[in-house]
N, C-alpha and C. Protein backbone atom coordinates (compact mmCIF):
# COMPACT_ATOMS: atom_id res chain seq x y z
N MET A 1 0.88 -1.15 0.07
CA MET A 1 0.00 0.01 -0.07
C MET A 1 0.86 1.16 -0.03
N PRO A 2 0.63 2.20 -0.87
CA PRO A 2 1.50 3.39 -0.94
C PRO A 2 1.34 4.20 0.26
N LYS A 3 2.26 4.89 0.65
CA LYS A 3 2.28 5.80 1.76
C LYS A 3 1.40 7.10 1.44
N ARG A 4 0.65 7.38 2.37
CA ARG A 4 -0.19 8.63 2.26
C ARG A 4 0.43 9.74 3.06
N TYR A 5 0.63 10.89 2.59
CA TYR A 5 1.22 12.01 3.27
C TYR A 5 0.12 13.06 3.66
N ASN A 6 -1.06 12.92 3.10
CA ASN A 6 -2.23 13.82 3.55
C ASN A 6 -1.83 15.23 3.54
N GLN A 7 -1.07 15.65 2.45
CA GLN A 7 -0.64 17.03 2.27
C GLN A 7 -1.08 17.41 0.84
N PRO A 8 -1.83 18.70 0.89
CA PRO A 8 -2.28 19.13 -0.48
C PRO A 8 -1.02 19.81 -1.35
N CYS A 9 -0.15 18.94 -1.63
CA CYS A 9 1.07 19.47 -2.27
C CYS A 9 1.45 18.54 -3.55
N PRO A 10 1.76 19.08 -4.68
CA PRO A 10 2.10 18.19 -5.85
C PRO A 10 3.31 17.29 -5.47
N VAL A 11 4.24 17.67 -4.73
CA VAL A 11 5.46 16.72 -4.48
C VAL A 11 4.95 15.65 -3.64
N ALA A 12 4.16 15.86 -2.56
CA ALA A 12 3.53 14.78 -1.67
C ALA A 12 2.64 13.84 -2.46
N LYS A 13 1.73 14.39 -3.28
CA LYS A 13 0.92 13.57 -4.07
C LYS A 13 1.66 12.87 -5.06
N SER A 14 2.72 13.39 -5.59
CA SER A 14 3.52 12.54 -6.68
C SER A 14 4.18 11.45 -5.94
N LEU A 15 4.79 11.56 -4.73
CA LEU A 15 5.31 10.61 -4.00
C LEU A 15 4.41 9.53 -3.63
N GLU A 16 3.14 9.80 -3.45
CA GLU A 16 2.21 8.78 -3.06
C GLU A 16 2.13 7.81 -4.26
N VAL A 17 2.39 8.22 -5.42
CA VAL A 17 2.27 7.26 -6.60
C VAL A 17 3.74 6.57 -6.89
N LEU A 18 4.73 7.57 -6.77
CA LEU A 18 6.09 7.17 -7.20
C LEU A 18 7.12 6.84 -6.14
N GLY A 19 6.74 7.09 -4.92
CA GLY A 19 7.73 7.01 -3.83
C GLY A 19 7.92 5.67 -3.11
N ASP A 20 7.19 4.56 -3.73
CA ASP A 20 7.54 3.22 -3.31
C ASP A 20 8.78 2.70 -3.71
N ARG A 21 9.51 1.94 -2.96
CA ARG A 21 10.79 1.35 -3.44
C ARG A 21 10.63 0.67 -4.68
N TRP A 22 11.55 0.91 -5.64
CA TRP A 22 11.66 0.17 -6.96
C TRP A 22 10.79 0.92 -8.12
N THR A 23 9.82 1.80 -7.75
CA THR A 23 8.97 2.30 -8.78
C THR A 23 9.69 3.18 -9.73
N LEU A 24 10.66 4.01 -9.37
CA LEU A 24 11.39 4.77 -10.30
C LEU A 24 12.47 3.92 -11.07
N LEU A 25 12.89 2.91 -10.44
CA LEU A 25 13.83 2.01 -11.20
C LEU A 25 13.17 1.17 -12.19
N VAL A 26 11.81 0.88 -12.01
CA VAL A 26 11.07 0.30 -13.03
C VAL A 26 10.84 1.32 -14.19
N VAL A 27 10.56 2.48 -13.80
CA VAL A 27 10.39 3.63 -14.83
C VAL A 27 11.66 3.70 -15.79
N ARG A 28 12.84 3.86 -14.93
CA ARG A 28 14.21 3.92 -15.63
C ARG A 28 14.37 2.73 -16.69
N ASP A 29 13.98 1.54 -16.23
CA ASP A 29 14.14 0.49 -17.30
C ASP A 29 13.08 0.53 -18.33
N LEU A 30 11.96 0.88 -18.10
CA LEU A 30 10.86 0.90 -19.25
C LEU A 30 11.25 2.07 -20.08
N LEU A 31 12.00 3.18 -19.68
CA LEU A 31 12.33 4.27 -20.63
C LEU A 31 13.09 3.69 -21.84
N ARG A 32 13.66 2.55 -21.65
CA ARG A 32 14.38 1.93 -22.78
C ARG A 32 13.49 1.32 -23.76
N GLY A 33 12.29 1.20 -23.31
CA GLY A 33 11.32 0.48 -24.33
C GLY A 33 10.48 -0.61 -23.69
N THR A 34 9.74 -1.23 -24.40
CA THR A 34 8.77 -2.34 -23.85
C THR A 34 9.69 -3.40 -23.33
N GLN A 35 9.21 -3.93 -22.23
CA GLN A 35 9.96 -5.11 -21.44
C GLN A 35 8.92 -6.03 -20.93
N ARG A 36 9.46 -7.34 -21.04
CA ARG A 36 8.67 -8.40 -20.52
C ARG A 36 8.95 -8.45 -19.02
N PHE A 37 8.00 -9.06 -18.25
CA PHE A 37 8.14 -9.12 -16.82
C PHE A 37 9.48 -9.82 -16.53
N GLN A 38 9.87 -10.91 -17.05
CA GLN A 38 11.10 -11.63 -16.86
C GLN A 38 12.38 -10.71 -17.09
N ASP A 39 12.21 -9.88 -18.10
CA ASP A 39 13.38 -8.85 -18.48
C ASP A 39 13.57 -7.87 -17.26
N LEU A 40 12.48 -7.45 -16.79
CA LEU A 40 12.46 -6.49 -15.65
C LEU A 40 13.07 -7.12 -14.41
N LEU A 41 12.71 -8.41 -14.23
CA LEU A 41 13.33 -9.16 -13.01
C LEU A 41 14.84 -9.16 -13.21
N THR A 42 15.26 -9.33 -14.40
CA THR A 42 16.67 -9.44 -14.72
C THR A 42 17.41 -8.12 -14.38
N THR A 43 16.75 -7.01 -15.00
CA THR A 43 17.52 -5.81 -14.84
C THR A 43 17.33 -5.16 -13.48
N LEU A 44 16.51 -5.77 -12.55
CA LEU A 44 16.29 -5.19 -11.21
C LEU A 44 16.75 -6.20 -10.24
N PRO A 45 18.09 -6.51 -10.09
CA PRO A 45 18.54 -7.48 -9.07
C PRO A 45 18.05 -7.19 -7.68
N GLY A 46 17.51 -8.19 -6.95
CA GLY A 46 16.98 -7.99 -5.63
C GLY A 46 15.53 -7.73 -5.52
N ILE A 47 14.81 -7.45 -6.60
CA ILE A 47 13.39 -7.28 -6.46
C ILE A 47 12.68 -8.64 -6.50
N ALA A 48 11.73 -8.80 -5.61
CA ALA A 48 10.99 -10.11 -5.59
C ALA A 48 9.93 -9.98 -6.58
N PRO A 49 9.52 -11.06 -7.29
CA PRO A 49 8.57 -11.12 -8.33
C PRO A 49 7.16 -10.54 -7.80
N ASN A 50 6.81 -10.85 -6.49
CA ASN A 50 5.50 -10.25 -6.03
C ASN A 50 5.55 -8.73 -5.90
N ILE A 51 6.76 -8.11 -5.53
CA ILE A 51 6.87 -6.74 -5.39
C ILE A 51 6.85 -6.14 -6.90
N LEU A 52 7.53 -6.77 -7.90
CA LEU A 52 7.51 -6.20 -9.21
C LEU A 52 6.09 -6.21 -9.69
N SER A 53 5.44 -7.20 -9.43
CA SER A 53 4.07 -7.38 -9.90
C SER A 53 3.16 -6.38 -9.27
N ALA A 54 3.33 -6.06 -8.04
CA ALA A 54 2.55 -4.99 -7.25
C ALA A 54 2.90 -3.63 -7.86
N ARG A 55 4.11 -3.35 -8.13
CA ARG A 55 4.47 -2.10 -8.65
C ARG A 55 3.89 -1.85 -10.03
N LEU A 56 3.97 -2.91 -10.87
CA LEU A 56 3.47 -2.69 -12.16
C LEU A 56 1.99 -2.47 -12.02
N LYS A 57 1.33 -3.19 -11.26
CA LYS A 57 -0.23 -3.11 -11.22
C LYS A 57 -0.52 -1.65 -10.72
N LEU A 58 0.17 -1.10 -9.72
CA LEU A 58 -0.19 0.23 -9.26
C LEU A 58 0.20 1.32 -10.39
N MET A 59 1.31 0.98 -11.05
CA MET A 59 1.66 1.95 -12.04
C MET A 59 0.66 1.86 -13.22
N GLU A 60 0.09 0.74 -13.48
CA GLU A 60 -0.96 0.64 -14.59
C GLU A 60 -2.20 1.27 -14.03
N GLU A 61 -2.62 1.16 -12.82
CA GLU A 61 -3.75 1.80 -12.28
C GLU A 61 -3.60 3.30 -12.33
N HIS A 62 -2.46 3.87 -12.18
CA HIS A 62 -2.22 5.32 -12.28
C HIS A 62 -1.89 5.76 -13.69
N GLY A 63 -2.13 4.86 -14.67
CA GLY A 63 -1.87 5.29 -16.15
C GLY A 63 -0.47 5.48 -16.47
N LEU A 64 0.48 5.07 -15.75
CA LEU A 64 1.92 5.26 -16.14
C LEU A 64 2.41 4.10 -17.11
N VAL A 65 1.75 2.91 -16.89
CA VAL A 65 2.24 1.75 -17.71
C VAL A 65 1.12 1.14 -18.45
N VAL A 66 1.33 0.64 -19.58
CA VAL A 66 0.43 -0.14 -20.51
C VAL A 66 0.92 -1.52 -20.48
N ARG A 67 -0.06 -2.51 -20.17
CA ARG A 67 0.21 -3.93 -20.16
C ARG A 67 -0.39 -4.47 -21.35
N GLU A 68 0.38 -5.35 -22.02
CA GLU A 68 -0.16 -6.03 -23.26
C GLU A 68 0.36 -7.50 -23.20
N PHE A 69 -0.78 -8.39 -23.34
CA PHE A 69 -0.47 -9.84 -23.36
C PHE A 69 0.08 -10.29 -24.65
N TYR A 70 1.11 -10.96 -24.70
CA TYR A 70 1.68 -11.53 -25.82
C TYR A 70 1.52 -13.11 -25.84
N SER A 71 1.01 -13.70 -24.75
CA SER A 71 0.69 -15.20 -24.73
C SER A 71 -0.42 -15.30 -23.90
N GLU A 72 -1.51 -16.21 -24.42
CA GLU A 72 -2.65 -16.38 -23.47
C GLU A 72 -2.36 -17.67 -22.66
N HIS A 73 -1.85 -18.74 -23.19
CA HIS A 73 -1.52 -19.88 -22.35
C HIS A 73 -0.04 -20.13 -22.36
N PRO A 74 0.66 -20.13 -21.36
CA PRO A 74 0.34 -19.40 -20.13
C PRO A 74 0.22 -17.88 -20.38
N PRO A 75 -0.52 -17.13 -19.55
CA PRO A 75 -0.59 -15.69 -19.80
C PRO A 75 0.69 -15.08 -19.42
N ARG A 76 1.13 -14.22 -20.39
CA ARG A 76 2.54 -13.50 -20.35
C ARG A 76 2.26 -12.09 -20.88
N ALA A 77 2.70 -11.15 -20.16
CA ALA A 77 2.57 -9.76 -20.45
C ALA A 77 3.86 -9.07 -20.70
N GLN A 78 3.77 -7.99 -21.50
CA GLN A 78 4.86 -7.09 -21.63
C GLN A 78 4.33 -5.64 -21.27
N TYR A 79 5.32 -4.79 -20.85
CA TYR A 79 4.91 -3.55 -20.22
C TYR A 79 5.61 -2.46 -20.97
N ALA A 80 4.95 -1.27 -21.24
CA ALA A 80 5.54 -0.10 -21.89
C ALA A 80 5.07 1.11 -21.10
N LEU A 81 5.84 2.17 -21.01
CA LEU A 81 5.23 3.44 -20.40
C LEU A 81 4.28 4.07 -21.24
N SER A 82 3.32 4.58 -20.75
CA SER A 82 2.28 5.43 -21.43
C SER A 82 2.89 6.76 -21.67
N ASP A 83 2.20 7.56 -22.27
CA ASP A 83 2.77 8.98 -22.59
C ASP A 83 2.93 9.70 -21.23
N LYS A 84 1.97 9.41 -20.30
CA LYS A 84 2.11 10.03 -18.95
C LYS A 84 3.37 9.44 -18.31
N GLY A 85 3.68 8.17 -18.44
CA GLY A 85 4.87 7.49 -17.84
C GLY A 85 6.08 8.08 -18.39
N ARG A 86 6.17 8.25 -19.75
CA ARG A 86 7.34 8.67 -20.45
C ARG A 86 7.76 10.16 -19.90
N GLU A 87 6.78 10.82 -19.56
CA GLU A 87 7.12 12.19 -18.98
C GLU A 87 8.08 12.13 -17.80
N LEU A 88 8.03 11.01 -17.13
CA LEU A 88 8.90 10.87 -15.98
C LEU A 88 10.43 10.70 -16.44
N GLY A 89 10.63 10.67 -17.69
CA GLY A 89 12.10 10.49 -18.08
C GLY A 89 12.77 11.84 -17.57
N MET A 90 12.06 12.97 -17.51
CA MET A 90 12.77 14.09 -17.03
C MET A 90 13.17 13.93 -15.58
N VAL A 91 12.23 13.33 -14.90
CA VAL A 91 12.54 13.20 -13.37
C VAL A 91 13.76 12.28 -13.21
N VAL A 92 13.67 11.05 -13.99
CA VAL A 92 14.88 10.12 -13.77
C VAL A 92 16.07 10.59 -14.21
N GLY A 93 16.05 11.41 -15.38
CA GLY A 93 17.20 12.02 -15.84
C GLY A 93 17.87 13.13 -14.82
N ALA A 94 16.95 13.87 -14.23
CA ALA A 94 17.32 14.79 -13.10
C ALA A 94 17.91 14.13 -11.96
N LEU A 95 17.32 12.98 -11.57
CA LEU A 95 17.96 12.28 -10.43
C LEU A 95 19.24 11.67 -10.70
N ALA A 96 19.35 11.19 -12.11
CA ALA A 96 20.64 10.66 -12.52
C ALA A 96 21.74 11.68 -12.46
N ALA A 97 21.43 12.89 -12.99
CA ALA A 97 22.35 13.99 -13.16
C ALA A 97 22.81 14.44 -11.66
N TRP A 98 21.91 14.52 -10.81
CA TRP A 98 22.19 14.94 -9.45
C TRP A 98 23.02 13.76 -8.67
N GLY A 99 22.59 12.60 -8.87
CA GLY A 99 23.25 11.49 -8.28
C GLY A 99 24.76 11.38 -8.79
N GLY A 100 24.88 11.69 -10.10
CA GLY A 100 26.20 11.55 -10.65
C GLY A 100 27.19 12.70 -10.28
N ARG A 101 26.55 13.80 -9.86
CA ARG A 101 27.41 14.91 -9.33
C ARG A 101 27.68 14.72 -7.80
N HIS A 102 26.63 14.17 -7.11
CA HIS A 102 26.83 14.27 -5.61
C HIS A 102 26.89 12.97 -4.87
N VAL A 103 26.47 11.90 -5.42
CA VAL A 103 26.43 10.59 -4.79
C VAL A 103 27.30 9.50 -5.33
N HIS A 104 27.17 9.29 -6.63
CA HIS A 104 27.94 8.30 -7.41
C HIS A 104 28.68 8.90 -8.46
N LYS A 105 29.75 9.51 -8.06
CA LYS A 105 30.53 10.43 -8.96
C LYS A 105 31.33 9.69 -10.12
N GLN A 106 31.47 8.35 -10.02
CA GLN A 106 32.11 7.61 -11.11
C GLN A 106 31.11 7.33 -12.16
N THR A 107 29.85 7.75 -12.12
CA THR A 107 28.86 7.66 -13.15
C THR A 107 29.17 8.63 -14.21
N LYS A 108 29.08 8.08 -15.41
CA LYS A 108 29.07 9.03 -16.58
C LYS A 108 27.73 9.10 -17.25
N LEU A 109 27.13 10.28 -17.31
CA LEU A 109 25.94 10.41 -18.01
C LEU A 109 26.17 10.57 -19.49
N VAL A 110 25.48 9.69 -20.30
CA VAL A 110 25.61 9.67 -21.73
C VAL A 110 24.35 9.84 -22.34
N HIS A 111 24.33 10.78 -23.32
CA HIS A 111 23.14 11.04 -24.14
C HIS A 111 22.77 9.78 -24.89
N ALA A 112 21.50 9.35 -24.78
CA ALA A 112 21.13 8.06 -25.53
C ALA A 112 21.36 7.99 -26.95
N GLY A 113 21.04 9.08 -27.66
CA GLY A 113 21.22 9.08 -29.14
C GLY A 113 22.77 9.31 -29.58
N ALA A 114 23.45 10.28 -28.98
CA ALA A 114 24.70 10.73 -29.54
C ALA A 114 25.92 9.99 -28.84
N GLY A 115 25.73 9.25 -27.72
CA GLY A 115 26.79 8.60 -27.07
C GLY A 115 27.75 9.76 -26.51
N THR A 116 27.44 10.85 -26.36
CA THR A 116 28.35 11.97 -25.82
C THR A 116 27.88 12.33 -24.29
N ARG A 117 28.87 12.81 -23.67
CA ARG A 117 28.61 13.21 -22.27
C ARG A 117 27.50 14.18 -22.14
N SER A 118 26.60 14.14 -21.09
CA SER A 118 25.48 15.04 -20.99
C SER A 118 25.31 15.43 -19.58
N ARG A 119 24.74 16.51 -19.32
CA ARG A 119 24.47 16.87 -17.92
C ARG A 119 22.96 16.45 -17.65
N SER A 120 22.16 16.27 -18.68
CA SER A 120 20.70 15.88 -18.41
C SER A 120 20.46 14.64 -19.34
N ALA A 121 21.20 13.62 -19.07
CA ALA A 121 21.13 12.43 -19.91
C ALA A 121 19.83 11.62 -19.86
N THR A 122 19.57 11.08 -21.01
CA THR A 122 18.25 10.09 -20.85
C THR A 122 18.77 8.66 -20.55
N THR A 123 19.96 8.45 -20.73
CA THR A 123 20.59 7.11 -20.46
C THR A 123 21.75 7.26 -19.48
N VAL A 124 21.70 6.46 -18.46
CA VAL A 124 22.96 6.53 -17.41
C VAL A 124 23.79 5.39 -17.61
N ARG A 125 24.97 5.60 -17.78
CA ARG A 125 25.96 4.57 -18.08
C ARG A 125 27.13 4.72 -17.10
N THR A 126 27.68 3.60 -16.61
CA THR A 126 28.74 3.48 -15.70
C THR A 126 29.71 2.49 -16.28
N ALA A 127 30.96 3.09 -16.56
CA ALA A 127 31.97 2.23 -17.21
C ALA A 127 31.47 1.43 -18.41
N GLY A 128 30.71 2.18 -19.23
CA GLY A 128 30.19 1.50 -20.51
C GLY A 128 28.92 0.75 -20.33
N LYS A 129 28.40 0.42 -19.17
CA LYS A 129 27.30 -0.29 -18.89
C LYS A 129 26.13 0.53 -18.34
N GLY A 130 24.88 0.20 -18.68
CA GLY A 130 23.76 0.86 -18.10
C GLY A 130 23.60 0.56 -16.59
N CYS A 131 22.68 1.33 -15.96
CA CYS A 131 22.41 1.06 -14.59
C CYS A 131 21.78 -0.28 -14.40
N GLY A 132 21.85 -0.75 -13.29
CA GLY A 132 21.21 -2.10 -12.97
C GLY A 132 22.00 -3.18 -13.56
N ALA A 133 21.41 -4.27 -14.06
CA ALA A 133 22.07 -5.48 -14.40
C ALA A 133 22.26 -5.47 -15.95
N ARG A 134 21.81 -4.45 -16.62
CA ARG A 134 21.92 -4.38 -18.03
C ARG A 134 23.36 -4.38 -18.54
N THR A 135 23.60 -4.80 -19.77
CA THR A 135 24.90 -4.68 -20.37
C THR A 135 24.84 -3.81 -21.66
């Protein structure tokens, strides 16, 4: 259950949707494009399947994620960010830029399209690899 702050503030209200552990990391990984559930488990080491399922369900309820079934038997789904969810790219990019400057200084921010260093990157790379378990 998401934490309720009971404050009439856009930051507090946004955190009620996005403030759970793992949620912004799921957004980060979906910014790369459509992902299957199993792919997300791989790129988010340490997340339990039931937690990932709960986060995706909550994100879908808030219109951040679109779920599409690609197999009926057994039921298998893939997930993509909605337009509303893609807007969070600015938030994830700002957190990455701040974190690269103040918390994890060995991170190099790389612009996704150009491969050049960036202060407001859409892709975060460390030593040539993306964040999480991706290569």
